[in-house]
Amino acid sequence: MKVTVFKKWMTGLALTVMLALAGCAATVQDNKHPTTATVESADGSPIVYGVRGQGEPTLVFVHCWTCNHTFWDAQLDYFSQHHRVIWLDLAGHGESGSHRQRYTMQAFGQDVAAVVRQVDARNVILVGHSMGGPVAVEAAKQLGDRVIGIVGVDTFYTPFEYPASQEAIAAFVKPFETDFHGSTDKMLHSMFTPQADPAVVDAIVGKFSAADPKVGVSAMYELFDWNAHQAPADLQRFSDRLYNINAAPTGKEPPPNAHVVMVPGVGHFIAQVKPVAFNQALEGIIDRLTGAGGPLAK
């Protein structure tokens, strides 16, 4: 009788261990290939997002104009080892749908805010590439003290001069209304250094082929309008927690201020062309935001 009981106990123990190991394996697998979820933005647009990893602060990666979350693949893989990371596709981009006619930075900010609230993320650092920078700023307005930092990637404090008047904006956008894909291709190729690997350039540029011209034209116009009317006041408002990782194509460009980290020898797509250098720069900014005197330390 005692032998039978012992065998049953051992069988139960073995089953428990097997289930625990299977659970661990599933957790690792889910971290590599997270199940996506959807949340409605303020206007009802379905926003697709995913969450990976654990650890504070939570990093939210916001893609740029007519891009999608896959542009952050190298960062999601790297930072999910020690942080909870969130990716999303803005309305009308990637896997997300859209119920809107105008693609304003404020509406995109609502997309990000909806995801952050849905997962109840606290101590958030918003990382936005190019157009994603203004989107991150707009999201920060809505999320309040959830946001301890904003990191703009090759946006804000760059040599690029945005058209300011309505006439200048319309003139810049006009070629994209006439020949969206041709104008986009030309603009994108100008954003790399001559030394960039052609295969990498083609891979990045190729991802833009699926962009919806209607979304792209509207978002471009609204981006320029935001920079003309909102940027000065908003950059001042968040100056204590706004950092930048900007390109230094020649390697000689000085940082415009103490919150800007320059990555030498790369063009606009820093995180995609030089992921290791970008990740190191972002790690340094995270340390500054979370160290003694940073918002998370208060």
Protein backbone atom coordinates (compact mmCIF):
# COMPACT_ATOMS: atom_id res chain seq x y z
CA MET A 1 0.00 0.00 0.00
CA LYS A 2 2.81 2.39 0.95
CA VAL A 3 4.63 1.62 -2.32
CA THR A 4 1.49 2.39 -4.33
CA VAL A 5 0.99 5.71 -2.53
CA PHE A 6 4.65 6.61 -3.09
CA LYS A 7 4.39 5.79 -6.82
CA LYS A 8 1.28 7.97 -7.13
CA TRP A 9 3.06 10.81 -5.30
CA MET A 10 6.08 10.52 -7.59
CA THR A 11 3.83 10.45 -10.66
CA GLY A 12 2.05 13.59 -9.48
CA LEU A 13 5.35 15.29 -8.74
CA ALA A 14 6.70 14.45 -12.18
CA LEU A 15 3.54 15.79 -13.80
CA THR A 16 3.81 19.01 -11.80
CA VAL A 17 7.43 19.51 -12.83
CA MET A 18 6.59 18.83 -16.48
CA LEU A 19 3.76 21.37 -16.42
CA ALA A 20 6.00 23.94 -14.77
CA LEU A 21 8.70 23.43 -17.38
CA ALA A 22 6.11 23.65 -20.15
CA GLY A 23 4.86 26.90 -18.64
CA CYS A 24 8.37 28.34 -18.61
CA ALA A 25 8.88 27.32 -22.21
CA ALA A 26 5.58 28.91 -23.18
CA THR A 27 6.59 32.14 -21.42
CA VAL A 28 9.86 32.30 -23.33
CA GLN A 29 8.09 31.52 -26.59
CA ASP A 30 5.45 34.16 -25.93
CA ASN A 31 8.19 36.72 -25.27
CA LYS A 32 9.67 36.01 -28.68
CA HIS A 33 6.36 35.80 -30.51
CA PRO A 34 3.77 37.68 -28.45
CA THR A 35 0.12 37.30 -29.13
CA THR A 36 -1.19 40.55 -30.51
CA ALA A 37 -4.19 42.36 -29.08
CA THR A 38 -6.41 45.22 -30.22
CA VAL A 39 -7.77 48.27 -28.45
CA GLU A 40 -10.02 51.04 -29.73
CA SER A 41 -8.56 54.51 -30.03
CA ALA A 42 -10.61 57.58 -29.08
CA ASP A 43 -12.33 57.62 -32.49
CA GLY A 44 -12.95 53.87 -32.51
CA SER A 45 -10.03 53.01 -34.79
CA PRO A 46 -8.77 49.49 -33.95
CA ILE A 47 -5.14 49.69 -32.81
CA VAL A 48 -3.08 46.50 -32.88
CA TYR A 49 -0.34 46.20 -30.28
CA GLY A 50 1.86 43.69 -28.50
CA VAL A 51 3.67 43.40 -25.17
CA ARG A 52 6.91 41.56 -24.45
CA GLY A 53 9.25 41.13 -21.50
CA GLN A 54 9.15 42.37 -17.93
CA GLY A 55 10.82 45.10 -15.93
CA GLU A 56 10.58 48.84 -15.28
CA PRO A 57 10.50 51.24 -16.92
CA THR A 58 8.12 50.18 -19.69
CA LEU A 59 9.36 51.19 -23.15
CA VAL A 60 6.78 52.10 -25.79
CA PHE A 61 8.11 52.18 -29.36
CA VAL A 62 6.29 54.49 -31.79
CA HIS A 63 7.09 54.11 -35.48
CA CYS A 64 7.49 56.89 -38.02
CA TRP A 65 5.53 58.18 -41.02
CA THR A 66 3.96 55.36 -43.12
CA CYS A 67 6.01 52.75 -41.23
CA ASN A 68 4.90 49.99 -38.85
CA HIS A 69 6.08 48.28 -35.68
CA THR A 70 8.45 45.89 -37.49
CA PHE A 71 10.90 48.78 -37.91
CA TRP A 72 11.64 48.27 -34.20
CA ASP A 73 12.34 44.51 -34.37
CA ALA A 74 15.98 44.80 -33.26
CA GLN A 75 14.98 46.98 -30.30
CA LEU A 76 12.08 44.77 -29.25
CA ASP A 77 14.36 41.73 -29.21
CA TYR A 78 17.07 43.52 -27.24
CA PHE A 79 15.15 45.55 -24.69
CA SER A 80 12.53 42.89 -23.89
CA GLN A 81 15.31 40.98 -22.11
CA HIS A 82 15.20 43.48 -19.22
CA HIS A 83 12.14 45.66 -19.77
CA ARG A 84 8.51 45.38 -20.60
CA VAL A 85 8.30 46.67 -24.16
CA ILE A 86 5.18 47.68 -26.06
CA TRP A 87 4.83 48.05 -29.80
CA LEU A 88 1.85 49.28 -31.77
CA ASP A 89 0.78 50.20 -35.27
CA LEU A 90 -0.73 53.68 -35.47
CA ALA A 91 -4.16 53.97 -37.11
CA GLY A 92 -3.99 53.37 -40.86
CA HIS A 93 -0.53 51.78 -40.55
CA GLY A 94 0.61 48.18 -40.42
CA GLU A 95 -2.02 45.88 -38.95
CA SER A 96 -4.20 48.64 -37.44
CA GLY A 97 -7.43 49.86 -39.00
CA SER A 98 -8.78 53.39 -39.16
CA HIS A 99 -12.03 55.31 -38.80
CA ARG A 100 -10.51 58.74 -39.37
CA GLN A 101 -10.23 61.18 -42.23
CA ARG A 102 -7.44 63.38 -40.82
CA TYR A 103 -4.27 61.79 -39.50
CA THR A 104 -3.27 64.39 -36.94
CA MET A 105 -0.49 64.03 -34.39
CA GLN A 106 -3.12 64.43 -31.66
CA ALA A 107 -5.15 61.49 -33.02
CA PHE A 108 -2.01 59.34 -33.30
CA GLY A 109 -1.21 60.32 -29.72
CA GLN A 110 -4.62 58.98 -28.71
CA ASP A 111 -3.67 55.65 -30.32
CA VAL A 112 -0.59 55.39 -28.11
CA ALA A 113 -2.44 56.54 -25.01
CA ALA A 114 -5.18 53.94 -25.58
CA VAL A 115 -2.61 51.13 -25.65
CA VAL A 116 -0.73 52.36 -22.58
CA ARG A 117 -3.96 52.63 -20.60
CA GLN A 118 -5.18 49.24 -21.83
CA VAL A 119 -2.12 47.47 -20.41
CA ASP A 120 -2.06 49.83 -17.39
CA ALA A 121 1.58 50.71 -17.97
CA ARG A 122 3.27 52.99 -15.44
CA ASN A 123 6.74 54.57 -15.49
CA VAL A 124 6.66 54.74 -19.26
CA ILE A 125 9.35 55.96 -21.66
CA LEU A 126 7.94 56.79 -25.09
CA VAL A 127 10.41 56.27 -27.95
CA GLY A 128 9.32 57.87 -31.22
CA HIS A 129 11.17 57.86 -34.53
CA SER A 130 10.72 60.89 -36.82
CA MET A 131 6.94 61.53 -36.91
CA GLY A 132 6.77 59.24 -33.88
CA GLY A 133 8.43 62.02 -31.87
CA PRO A 134 5.51 64.46 -32.12
CA VAL A 135 3.14 61.51 -31.64
CA ALA A 136 4.96 60.62 -28.42
CA VAL A 137 4.69 64.22 -27.21
CA GLU A 138 0.94 64.23 -27.89
CA ALA A 139 0.58 60.91 -26.06
CA ALA A 140 2.51 62.29 -23.10
CA LYS A 141 0.01 65.15 -22.82
CA GLN A 142 -2.76 62.61 -22.37
CA LEU A 143 -0.92 60.17 -20.12
CA GLY A 144 0.30 62.63 -17.50
CA ASP A 145 2.59 61.26 -14.80
CA ARG A 146 2.63 57.79 -16.34
CA VAL A 147 5.34 59.14 -18.67
CA ILE A 148 8.79 59.63 -17.13
CA GLY A 149 10.56 60.26 -20.41
CA ILE A 150 10.26 60.91 -24.15
CA VAL A 151 12.98 59.92 -26.58
CA GLY A 152 12.82 61.41 -30.06
CA VAL A 153 14.79 59.58 -32.75
CA ASP A 154 16.17 61.86 -35.47
CA THR A 155 13.39 64.31 -34.79
CA PHE A 156 13.51 67.68 -33.04
CA TYR A 157 16.77 69.64 -33.13
CA THR A 158 17.75 68.29 -36.55
CA PRO A 159 19.02 70.29 -39.58
CA PHE A 160 15.81 69.52 -41.49
CA GLU A 161 13.76 72.69 -41.91
CA TYR A 162 10.05 71.95 -41.89
CA PRO A 163 7.89 74.19 -44.11
CA ALA A 164 6.13 76.63 -41.81
CA SER A 165 3.46 78.49 -43.78
CA GLN A 166 0.35 76.85 -45.21
CA GLU A 167 1.60 77.68 -48.70
CA ALA A 168 5.01 76.12 -48.08
CA ILE A 169 3.45 73.00 -46.58
CA ALA A 170 1.10 72.60 -49.54
CA ALA A 171 3.99 73.02 -51.98
CA PHE A 172 6.07 70.36 -50.21
CA VAL A 173 3.17 67.87 -50.04
CA LYS A 174 1.98 68.43 -53.63
CA PRO A 175 4.39 65.95 -55.31
CA PHE A 176 3.20 63.25 -52.90
CA GLU A 177 -0.40 63.92 -53.90
CA THR A 178 0.57 63.56 -57.58
CA ASP A 179 2.96 60.60 -57.35
CA PHE A 180 2.99 59.28 -53.82
CA HIS A 181 5.17 56.21 -54.23
CA GLY A 182 7.64 57.86 -56.59
CA SER A 183 8.05 60.90 -54.35
CA THR A 184 8.33 58.72 -51.25
CA ASP A 185 11.03 56.57 -52.85
CA LYS A 186 13.06 59.64 -53.82
CA MET A 187 12.77 61.18 -50.37
CA LEU A 188 13.68 57.96 -48.57
CA HIS A 189 16.83 57.34 -50.61
CA SER A 190 18.05 60.82 -49.67
CA MET A 191 17.90 59.85 -45.98
CA PHE A 192 20.86 57.46 -46.04
CA THR A 193 24.59 58.15 -46.09
CA PRO A 194 26.55 57.15 -49.23
CA GLN A 195 28.24 54.44 -47.16
CA ALA A 196 24.98 52.71 -46.21
CA ASP A 197 24.70 49.06 -47.24
CA PRO A 198 22.52 49.01 -50.40
CA ALA A 199 20.83 45.81 -49.26
CA VAL A 200 19.85 47.44 -45.96
CA VAL A 201 18.61 50.53 -47.79
CA ASP A 202 16.49 48.43 -50.16
CA ALA A 203 15.05 46.42 -47.28
CA ILE A 204 14.02 49.55 -45.38
CA VAL A 205 12.67 51.41 -48.40
CA GLY A 206 10.81 48.31 -49.54
CA LYS A 207 8.74 48.31 -46.35
CA PHE A 208 7.14 51.59 -47.40
CA SER A 209 5.59 50.11 -50.54
CA ALA A 210 2.44 49.04 -48.68
CA ALA A 211 1.72 52.55 -47.39
CA ASP A 212 -1.70 54.00 -48.09
CA PRO A 213 -1.24 57.27 -50.05
CA LYS A 214 -4.31 58.82 -48.42
CA VAL A 215 -2.89 58.19 -44.97
CA GLY A 216 0.59 59.31 -45.99
CA VAL A 217 -0.45 62.61 -47.55
CA SER A 218 -2.70 63.56 -44.64
CA ALA A 219 -0.13 62.57 -42.00
CA MET A 220 2.63 64.50 -43.77
CA TYR A 221 0.54 67.66 -43.90
CA GLU A 222 -0.48 67.31 -40.26
CA LEU A 223 3.12 66.63 -39.19
CA PHE A 224 4.35 69.84 -40.79
CA ASP A 225 1.43 71.77 -39.32
CA TRP A 226 2.27 70.39 -35.84
CA ASN A 227 5.90 71.42 -36.16
CA ALA A 228 4.89 74.92 -37.26
CA HIS A 229 2.35 75.54 -34.49
CA GLN A 230 2.82 73.09 -31.62
CA ALA A 231 6.50 72.16 -31.47
CA PRO A 232 8.02 75.25 -29.82
CA ALA A 233 5.68 75.27 -26.81
CA ASP A 234 5.52 71.49 -26.43
CA LEU A 235 9.29 70.96 -26.59
CA GLN A 236 9.68 73.57 -23.86
CA ARG A 237 6.93 71.94 -21.80
CA PHE A 238 8.67 68.56 -21.79
CA SER A 239 12.26 69.79 -21.85
CA ASP A 240 13.12 68.19 -18.50
CA ARG A 241 12.24 64.67 -19.72
CA LEU A 242 12.74 64.97 -23.47
CA TYR A 243 15.87 63.37 -24.92
CA ASN A 244 16.97 62.72 -28.47
CA ILE A 245 19.04 60.22 -30.42
CA ASN A 246 19.92 62.01 -33.65
CA ALA A 247 21.98 61.19 -36.72
CA ALA A 248 25.44 62.61 -37.35
CA PRO A 249 26.02 61.57 -40.99
CA THR A 250 29.56 62.97 -41.22
CA GLY A 251 30.41 62.20 -37.61
CA LYS A 252 31.28 65.86 -37.01
CA GLU A 253 27.84 67.22 -36.16
CA PRO A 254 27.79 68.48 -32.54
CA PRO A 255 24.82 67.76 -30.26
CA PRO A 256 22.45 70.77 -30.23
CA ASN A 257 21.99 70.47 -26.46
CA ALA A 258 22.90 68.26 -23.51
CA HIS A 259 19.84 66.04 -24.00
CA VAL A 260 20.78 65.03 -27.55
CA VAL A 261 22.95 61.97 -28.26
CA MET A 262 24.52 61.91 -31.72
CA VAL A 263 25.16 58.63 -33.56
CA PRO A 264 27.92 59.11 -36.14
CA GLY A 265 28.04 57.74 -39.67
CA VAL A 266 24.33 57.13 -40.16
CA GLY A 267 21.33 58.85 -41.72
CA HIS A 268 17.72 59.09 -40.67
CA PHE A 269 17.10 55.39 -39.92
CA ILE A 270 19.47 55.09 -36.99
CA ALA A 271 17.83 52.19 -35.16
CA GLN A 272 17.60 50.09 -38.32
CA VAL A 273 21.04 50.79 -39.84
CA LYS A 274 23.05 50.91 -36.60
CA PRO A 275 20.97 48.97 -34.05
CA VAL A 276 23.85 48.28 -31.64
CA ALA A 277 24.87 51.94 -31.42
CA PHE A 278 21.25 52.99 -31.12
CA ASN A 279 20.52 50.49 -28.36
CA GLN A 280 23.55 51.68 -26.42
CA ALA A 281 22.45 55.29 -26.76
CA LEU A 282 18.94 54.45 -25.57
CA GLU A 283 20.32 52.48 -22.62
CA GLY A 284 22.28 55.55 -21.58
CA ILE A 285 19.18 57.74 -21.73
CA ILE A 286 17.17 55.19 -19.72
CA ASP A 287 19.89 55.30 -17.06
CA ARG A 288 19.70 59.11 -16.96
CA LEU A 289 15.92 59.05 -16.62
CA THR A 290 15.85 56.36 -13.94
CA GLY A 291 19.01 57.20 -12.01
CA ALA A 292 19.43 59.52 -9.04
CA GLY A 293 17.59 62.73 -9.77
CA GLY A 294 15.60 61.19 -12.65
CA PRO A 295 11.78 61.16 -12.71
CA LEU A 296 11.59 57.50 -11.68
CA ALA A 297 13.76 58.14 -8.64
CA LYS A 298 11.40 60.79 -7.27
